[in-house]
Amino acid sequence: MKLVGVMSLREDRQKIRDIMKKHDVQIYSETAIVGHTPASVAKFGWFATTDENPSYATLCFAIIADEAGRAIVDEIEKLTGRDQSDHPIRAFLVPVEHMV
């Protein structure tokens, strides 16, 4: 089993949802996060509120089979290679030793 996590700007949420659906991920979680860059920290400080910071993002994660996790990360890697924005979609894959 793997924990796959995907961070993206809010505008890219549907791309992530489509990738999860394509790889038959039936259950996953998604939450809003506030992204920070060195420029935003310099401007707003470490404790900026969501009203002040312009970088709204999402974190989507699921615990899935190894093969599906690798396929999702590979697809996001290809997508990121075509993304010319300052905030490309990011993904990570972590082994899950035990789950109940």
C-alpha atoms as a PDB file:
ATOM      1  CA  MET A   1       0.000   0.000   0.000  1.00  0.00           C
ATOM      2  CA  LYS A   2       1.057   3.580  -0.645  1.00  0.00           C
ATOM      3  CA  LEU A   3       0.010   6.990   0.574  1.00  0.00           C
ATOM      4  CA  VAL A   4      -0.221   9.240  -2.458  1.00  0.00           C
ATOM      5  CA  GLY A   5      -0.437  12.974  -1.874  1.00  0.00           C
ATOM      6  CA  VAL A   6      -1.075  15.658  -4.460  1.00  0.00           C
ATOM      7  CA  MET A   7      -0.694  19.392  -3.908  1.00  0.00           C
ATOM      8  CA  SER A   8      -2.080  21.821  -6.452  1.00  0.00           C
ATOM      9  CA  LEU A   9      -3.559  25.238  -6.868  1.00  0.00           C
ATOM     10  CA  ARG A  10      -7.305  25.393  -6.437  1.00  0.00           C
ATOM     11  CA  GLU A  11      -7.679  25.908 -10.188  1.00  0.00           C
ATOM     12  CA  ASP A  12      -6.173  22.452 -10.826  1.00  0.00           C
ATOM     13  CA  ARG A  13      -8.533  20.506  -8.545  1.00  0.00           C
ATOM     14  CA  GLN A  14     -10.545  19.063 -11.419  1.00  0.00           C
ATOM     15  CA  LYS A  15      -7.386  17.737 -13.104  1.00  0.00           C
ATOM     16  CA  ILE A  16      -6.526  15.884  -9.898  1.00  0.00           C
ATOM     17  CA  ARG A  17     -10.065  14.539  -9.528  1.00  0.00           C
ATOM     18  CA  ASP A  18      -9.962  13.305 -13.133  1.00  0.00           C
ATOM     19  CA  ILE A  19      -6.631  11.537 -12.526  1.00  0.00           C
ATOM     20  CA  MET A  20      -7.999   9.834  -9.400  1.00  0.00           C
ATOM     21  CA  LYS A  21     -11.078   8.710 -11.307  1.00  0.00           C
ATOM     22  CA  LYS A  22      -8.994   7.465 -14.240  1.00  0.00           C
ATOM     23  CA  HIS A  23      -6.979   5.260 -11.878  1.00  0.00           C
ATOM     24  CA  ASP A  24     -10.114   3.990 -10.123  1.00  0.00           C
ATOM     25  CA  VAL A  25      -9.400   5.621  -6.776  1.00  0.00           C
ATOM     26  CA  GLN A  26     -12.808   5.377  -5.117  1.00  0.00           C
ATOM     27  CA  ILE A  27     -11.971   7.035  -1.782  1.00  0.00           C
ATOM     28  CA  TYR A  28      -9.674   9.976  -1.206  1.00  0.00           C
ATOM     29  CA  SER A  29      -9.550  13.094   0.924  1.00  0.00           C
ATOM     30  CA  GLU A  30      -9.151  16.677  -0.172  1.00  0.00           C
ATOM     31  CA  THR A  31      -8.540  19.731   1.958  1.00  0.00           C
ATOM     32  CA  ALA A  32      -7.843  23.401   1.338  1.00  0.00           C
ATOM     33  CA  ILE A  33      -4.386  24.649   2.299  1.00  0.00           C
ATOM     34  CA  VAL A  34      -2.662  27.993   2.112  1.00  0.00           C
ATOM     35  CA  GLY A  35       0.594  27.844   0.207  1.00  0.00           C
ATOM     36  CA  HIS A  36       3.543  30.055   1.057  1.00  0.00           C
ATOM     37  CA  THR A  37       6.546  31.142  -0.953  1.00  0.00           C
ATOM     38  CA  PRO A  38       9.556  33.158   0.228  1.00  0.00           C
ATOM     39  CA  ALA A  39       7.878  36.222  -1.318  1.00  0.00           C
ATOM     40  CA  SER A  40       4.580  35.679   0.519  1.00  0.00           C
ATOM     41  CA  VAL A  41       6.371  35.096   3.827  1.00  0.00           C
ATOM     42  CA  ALA A  42       8.377  38.294   3.337  1.00  0.00           C
ATOM     43  CA  LYS A  43       5.200  40.246   2.540  1.00  0.00           C
ATOM     44  CA  PHE A  44       2.719  38.721   5.013  1.00  0.00           C
ATOM     45  CA  GLY A  45       4.847  36.941   7.618  1.00  0.00           C
ATOM     46  CA  TRP A  46       4.633  33.322   8.716  1.00  0.00           C
ATOM     47  CA  PHE A  47       1.184  33.741  10.240  1.00  0.00           C
ATOM     48  CA  ALA A  48      -0.661  35.303   7.313  1.00  0.00           C
ATOM     49  CA  THR A  49      -4.391  34.730   7.203  1.00  0.00           C
ATOM     50  CA  THR A  50      -6.111  33.190   4.206  1.00  0.00           C
ATOM     51  CA  ASP A  51      -7.589  36.623   3.423  1.00  0.00           C
ATOM     52  CA  GLU A  52      -4.099  38.090   3.030  1.00  0.00           C
ATOM     53  CA  ASN A  53      -2.308  35.324   1.147  1.00  0.00           C
ATOM     54  CA  PRO A  54      -3.105  34.913  -2.557  1.00  0.00           C
ATOM     55  CA  SER A  55      -1.846  31.300  -2.937  1.00  0.00           C
ATOM     56  CA  TYR A  56      -4.814  29.033  -2.309  1.00  0.00           C
ATOM     57  CA  ALA A  57      -4.134  25.368  -2.817  1.00  0.00           C
ATOM     58  CA  THR A  58      -5.492  21.901  -2.157  1.00  0.00           C
ATOM     59  CA  LEU A  59      -3.977  18.752  -0.750  1.00  0.00           C
ATOM     60  CA  CYS A  60      -5.505  15.512  -1.938  1.00  0.00           C
ATOM     61  CA  PHE A  61      -4.419  12.166  -0.520  1.00  0.00           C
ATOM     62  CA  ALA A  62      -5.359   8.497  -0.591  1.00  0.00           C
ATOM     63  CA  ILE A  63      -4.032   5.155   0.566  1.00  0.00           C
ATOM     64  CA  ILE A  64      -4.036   2.871  -2.457  1.00  0.00           C
ATOM     65  CA  ALA A  65      -2.338  -0.102  -4.090  1.00  0.00           C
ATOM     66  CA  ASP A  66       1.337   0.311  -5.020  1.00  0.00           C
ATOM     67  CA  GLU A  67       0.690   0.134  -8.775  1.00  0.00           C
ATOM     68  CA  ALA A  68      -2.051   2.776  -8.713  1.00  0.00           C
ATOM     69  CA  GLY A  69       0.108   5.086  -6.613  1.00  0.00           C
ATOM     70  CA  ARG A  70       3.021   4.838  -9.026  1.00  0.00           C
ATOM     71  CA  ALA A  71       0.704   5.375 -12.029  1.00  0.00           C
ATOM     72  CA  ILE A  72      -0.799   8.516 -10.484  1.00  0.00           C
ATOM     73  CA  VAL A  73       2.604  10.007  -9.634  1.00  0.00           C
ATOM     74  CA  ASP A  74       3.905   9.163 -13.118  1.00  0.00           C
ATOM     75  CA  GLU A  75       0.910  10.861 -14.734  1.00  0.00           C
ATOM     76  CA  ILE A  76       1.333  13.964 -12.584  1.00  0.00           C
ATOM     77  CA  GLU A  77       5.035  14.034 -13.446  1.00  0.00           C
ATOM     78  CA  LYS A  78       4.152  14.147 -17.148  1.00  0.00           C
ATOM     79  CA  LEU A  79       1.509  16.811 -16.519  1.00  0.00           C
ATOM     80  CA  THR A  80       3.962  18.896 -14.475  1.00  0.00           C
ATOM     81  CA  GLY A  81       6.498  18.729 -17.300  1.00  0.00           C
ATOM     82  CA  ARG A  82       3.994  20.531 -19.545  1.00  0.00           C
ATOM     83  CA  ASP A  83       2.964  23.075 -16.874  1.00  0.00           C
ATOM     84  CA  GLN A  84       4.611  26.455 -17.403  1.00  0.00           C
ATOM     85  CA  SER A  85       3.136  28.085 -14.278  1.00  0.00           C
ATOM     86  CA  ASP A  86       5.056  29.105 -11.164  1.00  0.00           C
ATOM     87  CA  HIS A  87       2.988  26.597  -9.170  1.00  0.00           C
ATOM     88  CA  PRO A  88       2.972  23.193 -10.898  1.00  0.00           C
ATOM     89  CA  ILE A  89       1.095  20.254  -9.430  1.00  0.00           C
ATOM     90  CA  ARG A  90       3.265  18.303  -6.977  1.00  0.00           C
ATOM     91  CA  ALA A  91       2.848  14.697  -5.871  1.00  0.00           C
ATOM     92  CA  PHE A  92       4.504  12.353  -3.417  1.00  0.00           C
ATOM     93  CA  LEU A  93       4.336   8.651  -2.684  1.00  0.00           C
ATOM     94  CA  VAL A  94       5.034   7.142   0.739  1.00  0.00           C
ATOM     95  CA  PRO A  95       5.021   3.464   1.755  1.00  0.00           C
ATOM     96  CA  VAL A  96       2.299   2.476   4.234  1.00  0.00           C
ATOM     97  CA  GLU A  97       3.654  -0.201   6.518  1.00  0.00           C
ATOM     98  CA  HIS A  98       0.422  -0.987   8.349  1.00  0.00           C
ATOM     99  CA  MET A  99      -3.158   0.264   8.240  1.00  0.00           C
ATOM    100  CA  VAL A 100      -6.243  -0.706  10.242  1.00  0.00           C
END
